[in-house]
Amino acid sequence: MTGMSAQPVVPVRPPEQLGLAGMPRQLFACTPSRLTSWVDCPRRYRLTYLDRPRPPAGPPWAHNSFGAGIHNALAGWWRLSRAQRTIDSAGELLAACWSAEGFRDPAHSSAWLARGRALVQRYVAGLDPDREPLGVERTIAARTNRLALSGRVDRLDDRDGELVVVDYKTGRRPLTVDDTRGSMALALYAVAAAATLRRRCVRVELHHLPTGEVHRYEHTDESLQRQVRRAEQIADEAQAATAAFKAQIVDSPAGTPTPVGIADMFAPRPGSQCGWCDMRAHCPEGAAAAPAQVPWAGLGEDKGSETDAAQPGPSGPPDRAQS
């Protein structure tokens, strides 16, 4: 037949939620890392949190093994009895929980274990073993008008009646107070710590083990609320896209192509960072944007120094994800 024109593709819009007048809006359950994942790349967010079965991730990264080992060793050190909290015990704990995943070979793993020992032993040498933290790897939670927020903080201190959120960093990039001030995750941890312990919490710290530096920032109630509003705006976008995605799964027959509107909601944000993405194999745009990195590339062994740990940022892997 002739004279027929193609039908226009109508973008899918998020479904409207029907409810009784006066009913509260459903809160968006999330962690800081989930919110950050949406900002970084909606495609990776969908592959990680929504697709079922979840696509298999890429191989393990050596810089993640390095960072996780140090975090676990420091948490374990505080769980020891007072008499056992020695400099040597910190190194022994790292060796006990060490994972060789992602390293080039056993010799490579052993060399980085030795570097890690030096870092954790130097760090605990500056700690007061008698000053008990309120929690290590502690789960905290809070509710806002839009969020059901939860997370796990590396360490929570009580210093002369003041709550302090402590986050360990193992990346080689030097940090500044701007990293502490601008961190949405740290601000949300402070809000959640205050809600969980029913005490005001405004002070946050980044402890950068490779340099031994501590970067502190004291929030105001206003600056915390700015970060909460930022998180709620991110959550609104992710929640709308999630609702549309789930509606499409329920209403469409198996094998139906993803509607154009939903695909746009989860469009990738390709760039050099795609070489480090765990979902790269499932994203043609990401695979085309950057070559795949070898599992130990994030260690940044340009000079082999103690501080040559993972390089975060656009040209390197992300630092340890906030939980």
C-alpha atoms as a PDB file:
ATOM      1  CA  MET A   1       0.000   0.000   0.000  1.00  0.00           C
ATOM      2  CA  THR A   2       1.152   3.573  -0.662  1.00  0.00           C
ATOM      3  CA  GLY A   3       0.533   6.903   0.979  1.00  0.00           C
ATOM      4  CA  MET A   4       0.929   5.582   4.503  1.00  0.00           C
ATOM      5  CA  SER A   5       3.199   7.461   6.918  1.00  0.00           C
ATOM      6  CA  ALA A   6       5.062   5.961   9.849  1.00  0.00           C
ATOM      7  CA  GLN A   7       3.355   6.314  13.200  1.00  0.00           C
ATOM      8  CA  PRO A   8       5.206   8.672  15.575  1.00  0.00           C
ATOM      9  CA  VAL A   9       6.909   7.145  18.579  1.00  0.00           C
ATOM     10  CA  VAL A  10       5.304   8.437  21.744  1.00  0.00           C
ATOM     11  CA  PRO A  11       7.747   8.717  24.659  1.00  0.00           C
ATOM     12  CA  VAL A  12       6.741   6.851  27.799  1.00  0.00           C
ATOM     13  CA  ARG A  13       6.010   9.065  30.757  1.00  0.00           C
ATOM     14  CA  PRO A  14       6.322   7.988  34.380  1.00  0.00           C
ATOM     15  CA  PRO A  15       2.987   6.610  35.582  1.00  0.00           C
ATOM     16  CA  GLU A  16       1.050   8.748  37.982  1.00  0.00           C
ATOM     17  CA  GLN A  17       0.575   7.215  41.399  1.00  0.00           C
ATOM     18  CA  LEU A  18      -3.051   7.190  42.427  1.00  0.00           C
ATOM     19  CA  GLY A  19      -3.869   7.448  46.071  1.00  0.00           C
ATOM     20  CA  LEU A  20      -6.269   8.817  48.600  1.00  0.00           C
ATOM     21  CA  ALA A  21      -6.118  12.509  49.402  1.00  0.00           C
ATOM     22  CA  GLY A  22      -3.876  13.198  52.352  1.00  0.00           C
ATOM     23  CA  MET A  23      -1.925   9.925  52.093  1.00  0.00           C
ATOM     24  CA  PRO A  24       1.845  10.369  52.512  1.00  0.00           C
ATOM     25  CA  ARG A  25       4.069   9.949  49.492  1.00  0.00           C
ATOM     26  CA  GLN A  26       6.038   6.713  49.327  1.00  0.00           C
ATOM     27  CA  LEU A  27       9.596   7.267  50.503  1.00  0.00           C
ATOM     28  CA  PHE A  28      12.513   6.341  48.268  1.00  0.00           C
ATOM     29  CA  ALA A  29      14.702   3.793  50.038  1.00  0.00           C
ATOM     30  CA  CYS A  30      18.345   4.431  49.241  1.00  0.00           C
ATOM     31  CA  THR A  31      21.948   4.665  50.361  1.00  0.00           C
ATOM     32  CA  PRO A  32      24.340   7.479  49.429  1.00  0.00           C
ATOM     33  CA  SER A  33      26.065   5.161  46.940  1.00  0.00           C
ATOM     34  CA  ARG A  34      22.764   4.409  45.206  1.00  0.00           C
ATOM     35  CA  LEU A  35      22.094   8.122  44.737  1.00  0.00           C
ATOM     36  CA  THR A  36      25.613   8.668  43.439  1.00  0.00           C
ATOM     37  CA  SER A  37      25.192   5.778  41.021  1.00  0.00           C
ATOM     38  CA  TRP A  38      22.171   7.497  39.444  1.00  0.00           C
ATOM     39  CA  VAL A  39      24.084  10.763  39.021  1.00  0.00           C
ATOM     40  CA  ASP A  40      27.095   9.011  37.512  1.00  0.00           C
ATOM     41  CA  CYS A  41      25.204   6.957  34.927  1.00  0.00           C
ATOM     42  CA  PRO A  42      21.490   6.047  34.757  1.00  0.00           C
ATOM     43  CA  ARG A  43      22.322   3.057  32.517  1.00  0.00           C
ATOM     44  CA  ARG A  44      24.648   1.577  35.133  1.00  0.00           C
ATOM     45  CA  TYR A  45      22.017   2.307  37.787  1.00  0.00           C
ATOM     46  CA  ARG A  46      19.422   0.311  35.867  1.00  0.00           C
ATOM     47  CA  LEU A  47      21.787  -2.612  35.256  1.00  0.00           C
ATOM     48  CA  THR A  48      22.849  -2.667  38.922  1.00  0.00           C
ATOM     49  CA  TYR A  49      19.608  -2.036  40.792  1.00  0.00           C
ATOM     50  CA  LEU A  50      16.678  -2.814  38.484  1.00  0.00           C
ATOM     51  CA  ASP A  51      17.460  -5.468  35.874  1.00  0.00           C
ATOM     52  CA  ARG A  52      16.565  -8.981  37.002  1.00  0.00           C
ATOM     53  CA  PRO A  53      18.353 -11.239  36.759  1.00  0.00           C
ATOM     54  CA  ARG A  54      21.152  -8.788  37.354  1.00  0.00           C
ATOM     55  CA  PRO A  55      23.771  -8.912  34.586  1.00  0.00           C
ATOM     56  CA  PRO A  56      27.095 -10.360  35.728  1.00  0.00           C
ATOM     57  CA  ALA A  57      29.633  -7.746  36.746  1.00  0.00           C
ATOM     58  CA  GLY A  58      33.157  -7.554  35.420  1.00  0.00           C
ATOM     59  CA  PRO A  59      36.229  -9.051  37.120  1.00  0.00           C
ATOM     60  CA  PRO A  60      37.251  -7.905  40.621  1.00  0.00           C
ATOM     61  CA  TRP A  61      39.519  -4.867  40.929  1.00  0.00           C
ATOM     62  CA  ALA A  62      42.795  -4.894  42.832  1.00  0.00           C
ATOM     63  CA  HIS A  63      42.247  -1.351  44.138  1.00  0.00           C
ATOM     64  CA  ASN A  64      38.914  -2.471  45.633  1.00  0.00           C
ATOM     65  CA  SER A  65      40.623  -5.424  47.328  1.00  0.00           C
ATOM     66  CA  PHE A  66      43.266  -3.066  48.707  1.00  0.00           C
ATOM     67  CA  GLY A  67      40.736  -0.556  50.037  1.00  0.00           C
ATOM     68  CA  ALA A  68      38.400  -3.184  51.480  1.00  0.00           C
ATOM     69  CA  GLY A  69      41.271  -4.913  53.270  1.00  0.00           C
ATOM     70  CA  ILE A  70      42.356  -1.700  54.976  1.00  0.00           C
ATOM     71  CA  HIS A  71      38.795  -0.814  55.990  1.00  0.00           C
ATOM     72  CA  ASN A  72      38.242  -4.283  57.435  1.00  0.00           C
ATOM     73  CA  ALA A  73      41.559  -4.254  59.305  1.00  0.00           C
ATOM     74  CA  LEU A  74      40.793  -0.900  60.936  1.00  0.00           C
ATOM     75  CA  ALA A  75      37.312  -2.013  61.914  1.00  0.00           C
ATOM     76  CA  GLY A  76      38.757  -5.208  63.376  1.00  0.00           C
ATOM     77  CA  TRP A  77      41.405  -3.280  65.311  1.00  0.00           C
ATOM     78  CA  TRP A  78      38.763  -1.350  67.242  1.00  0.00           C
ATOM     79  CA  ARG A  79      36.947  -4.600  68.044  1.00  0.00           C
ATOM     80  CA  LEU A  80      40.016  -6.002  69.793  1.00  0.00           C
ATOM     81  CA  SER A  81      40.393  -5.764  73.555  1.00  0.00           C
ATOM     82  CA  ARG A  82      42.269  -2.718  74.801  1.00  0.00           C
ATOM     83  CA  ALA A  83      45.430  -4.752  75.448  1.00  0.00           C
ATOM     84  CA  GLN A  84      45.415  -6.152  71.896  1.00  0.00           C
ATOM     85  CA  ARG A  85      45.224  -2.772  70.149  1.00  0.00           C
ATOM     86  CA  THR A  86      48.850  -2.557  69.118  1.00  0.00           C
ATOM     87  CA  ILE A  87      50.597  -1.358  65.981  1.00  0.00           C
ATOM     88  CA  ASP A  88      51.609  -4.899  65.063  1.00  0.00           C
ATOM     89  CA  SER A  89      48.075  -6.236  65.483  1.00  0.00           C
ATOM     90  CA  ALA A  90      46.823  -3.839  62.813  1.00  0.00           C
ATOM     91  CA  GLY A  91      49.209  -5.361  60.278  1.00  0.00           C
ATOM     92  CA  GLU A  92      48.258  -8.877  61.359  1.00  0.00           C
ATOM     93  CA  LEU A  93      44.565  -8.111  60.898  1.00  0.00           C
ATOM     94  CA  LEU A  94      45.196  -6.866  57.364  1.00  0.00           C
ATOM     95  CA  ALA A  95      47.066 -10.054  56.501  1.00  0.00           C
ATOM     96  CA  ALA A  96      44.236 -12.162  57.946  1.00  0.00           C
ATOM     97  CA  CYS A  97      41.527 -10.482  55.852  1.00  0.00           C
ATOM     98  CA  TRP A  98      43.599  -9.836  52.720  1.00  0.00           C
ATOM     99  CA  SER A  99      42.139 -10.769  49.339  1.00  0.00           C
ATOM    100  CA  ALA A 100      44.379 -11.353  46.315  1.00  0.00           C
ATOM    101  CA  GLU A 101      41.498 -10.762  43.875  1.00  0.00           C
ATOM    102  CA  GLY A 102      42.369  -8.466  41.012  1.00  0.00           C
ATOM    103  CA  PHE A 103      46.133  -8.477  41.458  1.00  0.00           C
ATOM    104  CA  ARG A 104      48.392  -9.531  38.607  1.00  0.00           C
ATOM    105  CA  ASP A 105      49.934 -12.512  40.419  1.00  0.00           C
ATOM    106  CA  PRO A 106      50.806 -13.690  43.958  1.00  0.00           C
ATOM    107  CA  ALA A 107      53.999 -11.608  44.060  1.00  0.00           C
ATOM    108  CA  HIS A 108      52.052  -8.505  43.085  1.00  0.00           C
ATOM    109  CA  SER A 109      49.491  -9.177  45.813  1.00  0.00           C
ATOM    110  CA  SER A 110      52.212  -9.693  48.417  1.00  0.00           C
ATOM    111  CA  ALA A 111      53.893  -6.408  47.503  1.00  0.00           C
ATOM    112  CA  TRP A 112      50.641  -4.527  47.986  1.00  0.00           C
ATOM    113  CA  LEU A 113      49.929  -6.327  51.228  1.00  0.00           C
ATOM    114  CA  ALA A 114      53.260  -5.006  52.504  1.00  0.00           C
ATOM    115  CA  ARG A 115      52.270  -1.474  51.461  1.00  0.00           C
ATOM    116  CA  GLY A 116      48.928  -1.875  53.157  1.00  0.00           C
ATOM    117  CA  ARG A 117      50.609  -3.031  56.370  1.00  0.00           C
ATOM    118  CA  ALA A 118      52.705   0.118  56.396  1.00  0.00           C
ATOM    119  CA  LEU A 119      49.625   2.307  55.927  1.00  0.00           C
ATOM    120  CA  VAL A 120      47.478   0.788  58.652  1.00  0.00           C
ATOM    121  CA  GLN A 121      50.334   0.564  61.139  1.00  0.00           C
ATOM    122  CA  ARG A 122      51.261   4.202  60.595  1.00  0.00           C
ATOM    123  CA  TYR A 123      47.625   5.203  60.975  1.00  0.00           C
ATOM    124  CA  VAL A 124      46.899   3.329  64.213  1.00  0.00           C
ATOM    125  CA  ALA A 125      50.154   4.655  65.681  1.00  0.00           C
ATOM    126  CA  GLY A 126      48.419   8.033  65.778  1.00  0.00           C
ATOM    127  CA  LEU A 127      45.230   6.747  67.427  1.00  0.00           C
ATOM    128  CA  ASP A 128      44.381   6.698  71.122  1.00  0.00           C
ATOM    129  CA  PRO A 129      43.409   3.059  71.781  1.00  0.00           C
ATOM    130  CA  ASP A 130      41.588   4.106  74.962  1.00  0.00           C
ATOM    131  CA  ARG A 131      39.143   6.354  73.112  1.00  0.00           C
ATOM    132  CA  GLU A 132      36.341   3.971  72.208  1.00  0.00           C
ATOM    133  CA  PRO A 133      34.350   4.943  69.100  1.00  0.00           C
ATOM    134  CA  LEU A 134      30.569   4.832  69.268  1.00  0.00           C
ATOM    135  CA  GLY A 135      30.607   2.480  66.326  1.00  0.00           C
ATOM    136  CA  VAL A 136      32.716   0.993  63.535  1.00  0.00           C
ATOM    137  CA  GLU A 137      31.064  -0.060  60.272  1.00  0.00           C
ATOM    138  CA  ARG A 138      27.856   1.012  62.010  1.00  0.00           C
ATOM    139  CA  THR A 139      24.538   1.073  60.169  1.00  0.00           C
ATOM    140  CA  ILE A 140      22.633   4.330  60.591  1.00  0.00           C
ATOM    141  CA  ALA A 141      19.337   5.535  59.126  1.00  0.00           C
ATOM    142  CA  ALA A 142      17.069   8.552  58.821  1.00  0.00           C
ATOM    143  CA  ARG A 143      13.835   9.591  57.137  1.00  0.00           C
ATOM    144  CA  THR A 144      13.207  12.867  55.347  1.00  0.00           C
ATOM    145  CA  ASN A 145      10.156  14.091  53.445  1.00  0.00           C
ATOM    146  CA  ARG A 146      11.243  12.035  50.427  1.00  0.00           C
ATOM    147  CA  LEU A 147      13.896   9.559  51.579  1.00  0.00           C
ATOM    148  CA  ALA A 148      14.222   6.439  53.673  1.00  0.00           C
ATOM    149  CA  LEU A 149      17.972   6.786  53.984  1.00  0.00           C
ATOM    150  CA  SER A 150      20.401   4.210  55.341  1.00  0.00           C
ATOM    151  CA  GLY A 151      24.143   3.697  55.249  1.00  0.00           C
ATOM    152  CA  ARG A 152      27.132   2.267  57.017  1.00  0.00           C
ATOM    153  CA  VAL A 153      29.691   4.661  58.422  1.00  0.00           C
ATOM    154  CA  ASP A 154      33.363   3.663  58.772  1.00  0.00           C
ATOM    155  CA  ARG A 155      33.626   5.116  62.250  1.00  0.00           C
ATOM    156  CA  LEU A 156      31.495   7.256  64.529  1.00  0.00           C
ATOM    157  CA  ASP A 157      33.277   9.069  67.339  1.00  0.00           C
ATOM    158  CA  ASP A 158      32.142  10.862  70.484  1.00  0.00           C
ATOM    159  CA  ARG A 159      34.658  13.606  71.173  1.00  0.00           C
ATOM    160  CA  ASP A 160      33.805  15.523  74.307  1.00  0.00           C
ATOM    161  CA  GLY A 161      30.106  15.131  73.650  1.00  0.00           C
ATOM    162  CA  GLU A 162      30.303  15.935  69.933  1.00  0.00           C
ATOM    163  CA  LEU A 163      29.411  13.328  67.291  1.00  0.00           C
ATOM    164  CA  VAL A 164      31.970  13.019  64.489  1.00  0.00           C
ATOM    165  CA  VAL A 165      31.566  11.017  61.270  1.00  0.00           C
ATOM    166  CA  VAL A 166      34.878   9.490  60.108  1.00  0.00           C
ATOM    167  CA  ASP A 167      35.356   8.119  56.595  1.00  0.00           C
ATOM    168  CA  TYR A 168      38.581   6.372  55.541  1.00  0.00           C
ATOM    169  CA  LYS A 169      40.038   6.974  52.081  1.00  0.00           C
ATOM    170  CA  THR A 170      42.775   4.927  50.412  1.00  0.00           C
ATOM    171  CA  GLY A 171      43.008   6.533  46.952  1.00  0.00           C
ATOM    172  CA  ARG A 172      46.272   8.149  45.958  1.00  0.00           C
ATOM    173  CA  ARG A 173      44.740  11.500  44.915  1.00  0.00           C
ATOM    174  CA  PRO A 174      45.467  14.057  47.643  1.00  0.00           C
ATOM    175  CA  LEU A 175      42.295  15.382  49.243  1.00  0.00           C
ATOM    176  CA  THR A 176      41.365  18.831  50.523  1.00  0.00           C
ATOM    177  CA  VAL A 177      38.720  20.267  52.818  1.00  0.00           C
ATOM    178  CA  ASP A 178      36.648  20.931  49.677  1.00  0.00           C
ATOM    179  CA  ASP A 179      36.239  17.164  49.281  1.00  0.00           C
ATOM    180  CA  THR A 180      34.869  16.988  52.815  1.00  0.00           C
ATOM    181  CA  ARG A 181      32.620  20.028  52.505  1.00  0.00           C
ATOM    182  CA  GLY A 182      31.172  19.002  49.154  1.00  0.00           C
ATOM    183  CA  SER A 183      30.549  15.335  49.960  1.00  0.00           C
ATOM    184  CA  MET A 184      26.829  14.604  49.858  1.00  0.00           C
ATOM    185  CA  ALA A 185      27.477  11.182  51.372  1.00  0.00           C
ATOM    186  CA  LEU A 186      29.235  12.584  54.444  1.00  0.00           C
ATOM    187  CA  ALA A 187      26.453  15.110  54.991  1.00  0.00           C
ATOM    188  CA  LEU A 188      23.826  12.371  54.745  1.00  0.00           C
ATOM    189  CA  TYR A 189      25.810  10.250  57.194  1.00  0.00           C
ATOM    190  CA  ALA A 190      25.751  13.164  59.638  1.00  0.00           C
ATOM    191  CA  VAL A 191      21.973  13.494  59.255  1.00  0.00           C
ATOM    192  CA  ALA A 192      21.505   9.738  59.711  1.00  0.00           C
ATOM    193  CA  ALA A 193      23.854   9.605  62.711  1.00  0.00           C
ATOM    194  CA  ALA A 194      21.893  12.391  64.402  1.00  0.00           C
ATOM    195  CA  ALA A 195      18.603  10.599  63.756  1.00  0.00           C
ATOM    196  CA  THR A 196      19.905   7.218  64.918  1.00  0.00           C
ATOM    197  CA  LEU A 197      21.574   8.421  68.117  1.00  0.00           C
ATOM    198  CA  ARG A 198      19.134  11.299  68.731  1.00  0.00           C
ATOM    199  CA  ARG A 199      22.002  13.747  69.054  1.00  0.00           C
ATOM    200  CA  ARG A 200      23.105  16.638  66.887  1.00  0.00           C
ATOM    201  CA  CYS A 201      25.871  15.744  64.424  1.00  0.00           C
ATOM    202  CA  VAL A 202      27.496  18.354  62.177  1.00  0.00           C
ATOM    203  CA  ARG A 203      31.188  17.418  62.020  1.00  0.00           C
ATOM    204  CA  VAL A 204      32.545  15.138  59.282  1.00  0.00           C
ATOM    205  CA  GLU A 205      36.103  14.001  58.512  1.00  0.00           C
ATOM    206  CA  LEU A 206      37.989  12.330  55.687  1.00  0.00           C
ATOM    207  CA  HIS A 207      41.023  10.359  56.888  1.00  0.00           C
ATOM    208  CA  HIS A 208      43.353   9.883  53.917  1.00  0.00           C
ATOM    209  CA  LEU A 209      45.666   7.018  54.830  1.00  0.00           C
ATOM    210  CA  PRO A 210      48.221   7.351  51.992  1.00  0.00           C
ATOM    211  CA  THR A 211      49.148  10.905  53.059  1.00  0.00           C
ATOM    212  CA  GLY A 212      48.155  10.676  56.715  1.00  0.00           C
ATOM    213  CA  GLU A 213      46.055  13.823  56.337  1.00  0.00           C
ATOM    214  CA  VAL A 214      42.709  14.472  58.049  1.00  0.00           C
ATOM    215  CA  HIS A 215      40.330  16.909  56.375  1.00  0.00           C
ATOM    216  CA  ARG A 216      37.575  18.240  58.648  1.00  0.00           C
ATOM    217  CA  TYR A 217      34.440  20.219  58.012  1.00  0.00           C
ATOM    218  CA  GLU A 218      31.749  21.400  60.392  1.00  0.00           C
ATOM    219  CA  HIS A 219      28.347  21.723  58.771  1.00  0.00           C
ATOM    220  CA  THR A 220      25.604  24.109  59.761  1.00  0.00           C
ATOM    221  CA  ASP A 221      21.980  23.042  59.902  1.00  0.00           C
ATOM    222  CA  GLU A 222      21.488  24.982  56.675  1.00  0.00           C
ATOM    223  CA  SER A 223      24.354  23.296  54.808  1.00  0.00           C
ATOM    224  CA  LEU A 224      23.081  19.867  55.862  1.00  0.00           C
ATOM    225  CA  GLN A 225      19.617  20.706  54.603  1.00  0.00           C
ATOM    226  CA  ARG A 226      21.068  21.830  51.265  1.00  0.00           C
ATOM    227  CA  GLN A 227      22.633  18.410  50.854  1.00  0.00           C
ATOM    228  CA  VAL A 228      19.379  16.717  51.877  1.00  0.00           C
ATOM    229  CA  ARG A 229      17.481  18.728  49.249  1.00  0.00           C
ATOM    230  CA  ARG A 230      20.100  17.770  46.675  1.00  0.00           C
ATOM    231  CA  ALA A 231      19.672  14.102  47.589  1.00  0.00           C
ATOM    232  CA  GLU A 232      15.878  14.397  47.374  1.00  0.00           C
ATOM    233  CA  GLN A 233      16.065  15.918  43.894  1.00  0.00           C
ATOM    234  CA  ILE A 234      18.273  13.035  42.737  1.00  0.00           C
ATOM    235  CA  ALA A 235      15.878  10.565  44.355  1.00  0.00           C
ATOM    236  CA  ASP A 236      12.880  12.123  42.593  1.00  0.00           C
ATOM    237  CA  GLU A 237      14.520  11.507  39.202  1.00  0.00           C
ATOM    238  CA  ALA A 238      15.534   7.951  40.052  1.00  0.00           C
ATOM    239  CA  GLN A 239      12.130   7.166  41.569  1.00  0.00           C
ATOM    240  CA  ALA A 240      10.223   8.421  38.502  1.00  0.00           C
ATOM    241  CA  ALA A 241      12.417   6.392  36.165  1.00  0.00           C
ATOM    242  CA  THR A 242      12.115   3.322  38.394  1.00  0.00           C
ATOM    243  CA  ALA A 243       8.304   3.560  38.460  1.00  0.00           C
ATOM    244  CA  ALA A 244       8.182   3.801  34.669  1.00  0.00           C
ATOM    245  CA  PHE A 245      10.577   0.874  34.342  1.00  0.00           C
ATOM    246  CA  LYS A 246       8.548  -1.351  36.671  1.00  0.00           C
ATOM    247  CA  ALA A 247       5.297  -0.449  34.915  1.00  0.00           C
ATOM    248  CA  GLN A 248       6.822  -1.418  31.571  1.00  0.00           C
ATOM    249  CA  ILE A 249       7.977  -4.768  32.986  1.00  0.00           C
ATOM    250  CA  VAL A 250       4.481  -5.537  34.329  1.00  0.00           C
ATOM    251  CA  ASP A 251       2.472  -4.331  31.321  1.00  0.00           C
ATOM    252  CA  SER A 252       4.655  -5.504  28.409  1.00  0.00           C
ATOM    253  CA  PRO A 253       4.875  -9.076  27.073  1.00  0.00           C
ATOM    254  CA  ALA A 254       8.188 -10.840  27.435  1.00  0.00           C
ATOM    255  CA  GLY A 255      10.657  -9.881  24.738  1.00  0.00           C
ATOM    256  CA  THR A 256       9.028  -6.523  23.987  1.00  0.00           C
ATOM    257  CA  PRO A 257      11.669  -3.867  23.183  1.00  0.00           C
ATOM    258  CA  THR A 258      12.162  -1.191  25.806  1.00  0.00           C
ATOM    259  CA  PRO A 259      10.012   1.845  24.893  1.00  0.00           C
ATOM    260  CA  VAL A 260      11.910   4.887  23.681  1.00  0.00           C
ATOM    261  CA  GLY A 261      10.915   7.054  26.631  1.00  0.00           C
ATOM    262  CA  ILE A 262      12.210   4.572  29.197  1.00  0.00           C
ATOM    263  CA  ALA A 263      15.444   4.074  27.258  1.00  0.00           C
ATOM    264  CA  ASP A 264      15.975   7.833  27.401  1.00  0.00           C
ATOM    265  CA  MET A 265      15.440   7.856  31.161  1.00  0.00           C
ATOM    266  CA  PHE A 266      18.292   5.371  31.527  1.00  0.00           C
ATOM    267  CA  ALA A 267      20.581   6.802  28.876  1.00  0.00           C
ATOM    268  CA  PRO A 268      24.292   6.158  29.491  1.00  0.00           C
ATOM    269  CA  ARG A 269      26.807   8.893  30.166  1.00  0.00           C
ATOM    270  CA  PRO A 270      29.829   7.549  28.299  1.00  0.00           C
ATOM    271  CA  GLY A 271      33.329   8.804  28.906  1.00  0.00           C
ATOM    272  CA  SER A 272      36.803   7.738  29.971  1.00  0.00           C
ATOM    273  CA  GLN A 273      35.352   6.413  33.242  1.00  0.00           C
ATOM    274  CA  CYS A 274      33.625   3.636  31.280  1.00  0.00           C
ATOM    275  CA  GLY A 275      36.901   1.734  31.176  1.00  0.00           C
ATOM    276  CA  TRP A 276      36.438   1.109  34.905  1.00  0.00           C
ATOM    277  CA  CYS A 277      32.714   0.273  34.875  1.00  0.00           C
ATOM    278  CA  ASP A 278      31.629  -3.126  36.201  1.00  0.00           C
ATOM    279  CA  MET A 279      28.737  -3.151  33.699  1.00  0.00           C
ATOM    280  CA  ARG A 280      30.815  -2.181  30.666  1.00  0.00           C
ATOM    281  CA  ALA A 281      30.230  -5.513  28.920  1.00  0.00           C
ATOM    282  CA  HIS A 282      26.464  -4.817  28.861  1.00  0.00           C
ATOM    283  CA  CYS A 283      26.678  -1.266  27.517  1.00  0.00           C
ATOM    284  CA  PRO A 284      27.721  -0.783  23.851  1.00  0.00           C
ATOM    285  CA  GLU A 285      28.120   2.976  24.306  1.00  0.00           C
ATOM    286  CA  GLY A 286      30.398   2.514  27.298  1.00  0.00           C
ATOM    287  CA  ALA A 287      32.460  -0.147  25.556  1.00  0.00           C
ATOM    288  CA  ALA A 288      32.977   2.226  22.627  1.00  0.00           C
ATOM    289  CA  ALA A 289      33.853   5.182  24.845  1.00  0.00           C
ATOM    290  CA  ALA A 290      36.992   3.800  26.480  1.00  0.00           C
ATOM    291  CA  PRO A 291      39.179   0.683  26.434  1.00  0.00           C
ATOM    292  CA  ALA A 292      38.736  -1.800  29.249  1.00  0.00           C
ATOM    293  CA  GLN A 293      41.218  -1.437  32.098  1.00  0.00           C
ATOM    294  CA  VAL A 294      43.117  -4.418  33.478  1.00  0.00           C
ATOM    295  CA  PRO A 295      42.045  -5.352  37.014  1.00  0.00           C
ATOM    296  CA  TRP A 296      45.182  -3.924  38.647  1.00  0.00           C
ATOM    297  CA  ALA A 297      45.322  -0.675  36.649  1.00  0.00           C
ATOM    298  CA  GLY A 298      43.720   1.331  39.463  1.00  0.00           C
ATOM    299  CA  LEU A 299      46.747   0.847  41.676  1.00  0.00           C
ATOM    300  CA  GLY A 300      48.574   3.522  39.668  1.00  0.00           C
ATOM    301  CA  GLU A 301      52.041   2.037  39.991  1.00  0.00           C
ATOM    302  CA  ASP A 302      53.854   4.821  38.180  1.00  0.00           C
ATOM    303  CA  LYS A 303      56.653   5.068  40.752  1.00  0.00           C
ATOM    304  CA  GLY A 304      55.912   2.172  43.052  1.00  0.00           C
ATOM    305  CA  SER A 305      55.693   4.387  46.107  1.00  0.00           C
ATOM    306  CA  GLU A 306      53.617   3.699  49.183  1.00  0.00           C
ATOM    307  CA  THR A 307      51.057   6.315  48.153  1.00  0.00           C
ATOM    308  CA  ASP A 308      50.430   4.866  44.703  1.00  0.00           C
ATOM    309  CA  ALA A 309      47.012   3.463  45.549  1.00  0.00           C
ATOM    310  CA  ALA A 310      43.884   3.828  43.455  1.00  0.00           C
ATOM    311  CA  GLN A 311      43.533   7.061  41.499  1.00  0.00           C
ATOM    312  CA  PRO A 312      39.943   8.293  41.665  1.00  0.00           C
ATOM    313  CA  GLY A 313      38.439  10.740  39.231  1.00  0.00           C
ATOM    314  CA  PRO A 314      37.585  10.860  35.518  1.00  0.00           C
ATOM    315  CA  SER A 315      40.851   9.234  34.429  1.00  0.00           C
ATOM    316  CA  GLY A 316      40.870   6.550  37.079  1.00  0.00           C
ATOM    317  CA  PRO A 317      38.589   4.295  39.103  1.00  0.00           C
ATOM    318  CA  PRO A 318      36.182   5.719  41.663  1.00  0.00           C
ATOM    319  CA  ASP A 319      37.294   5.637  45.266  1.00  0.00           C
ATOM    320  CA  ARG A 320      35.618   3.095  47.547  1.00  0.00           C
ATOM    321  CA  ALA A 321      31.890   3.433  47.102  1.00  0.00           C
ATOM    322  CA  GLN A 322      29.940   4.931  49.915  1.00  0.00           C
ATOM    323  CA  SER A 323      27.648   2.442  51.494  1.00  0.00           C
END
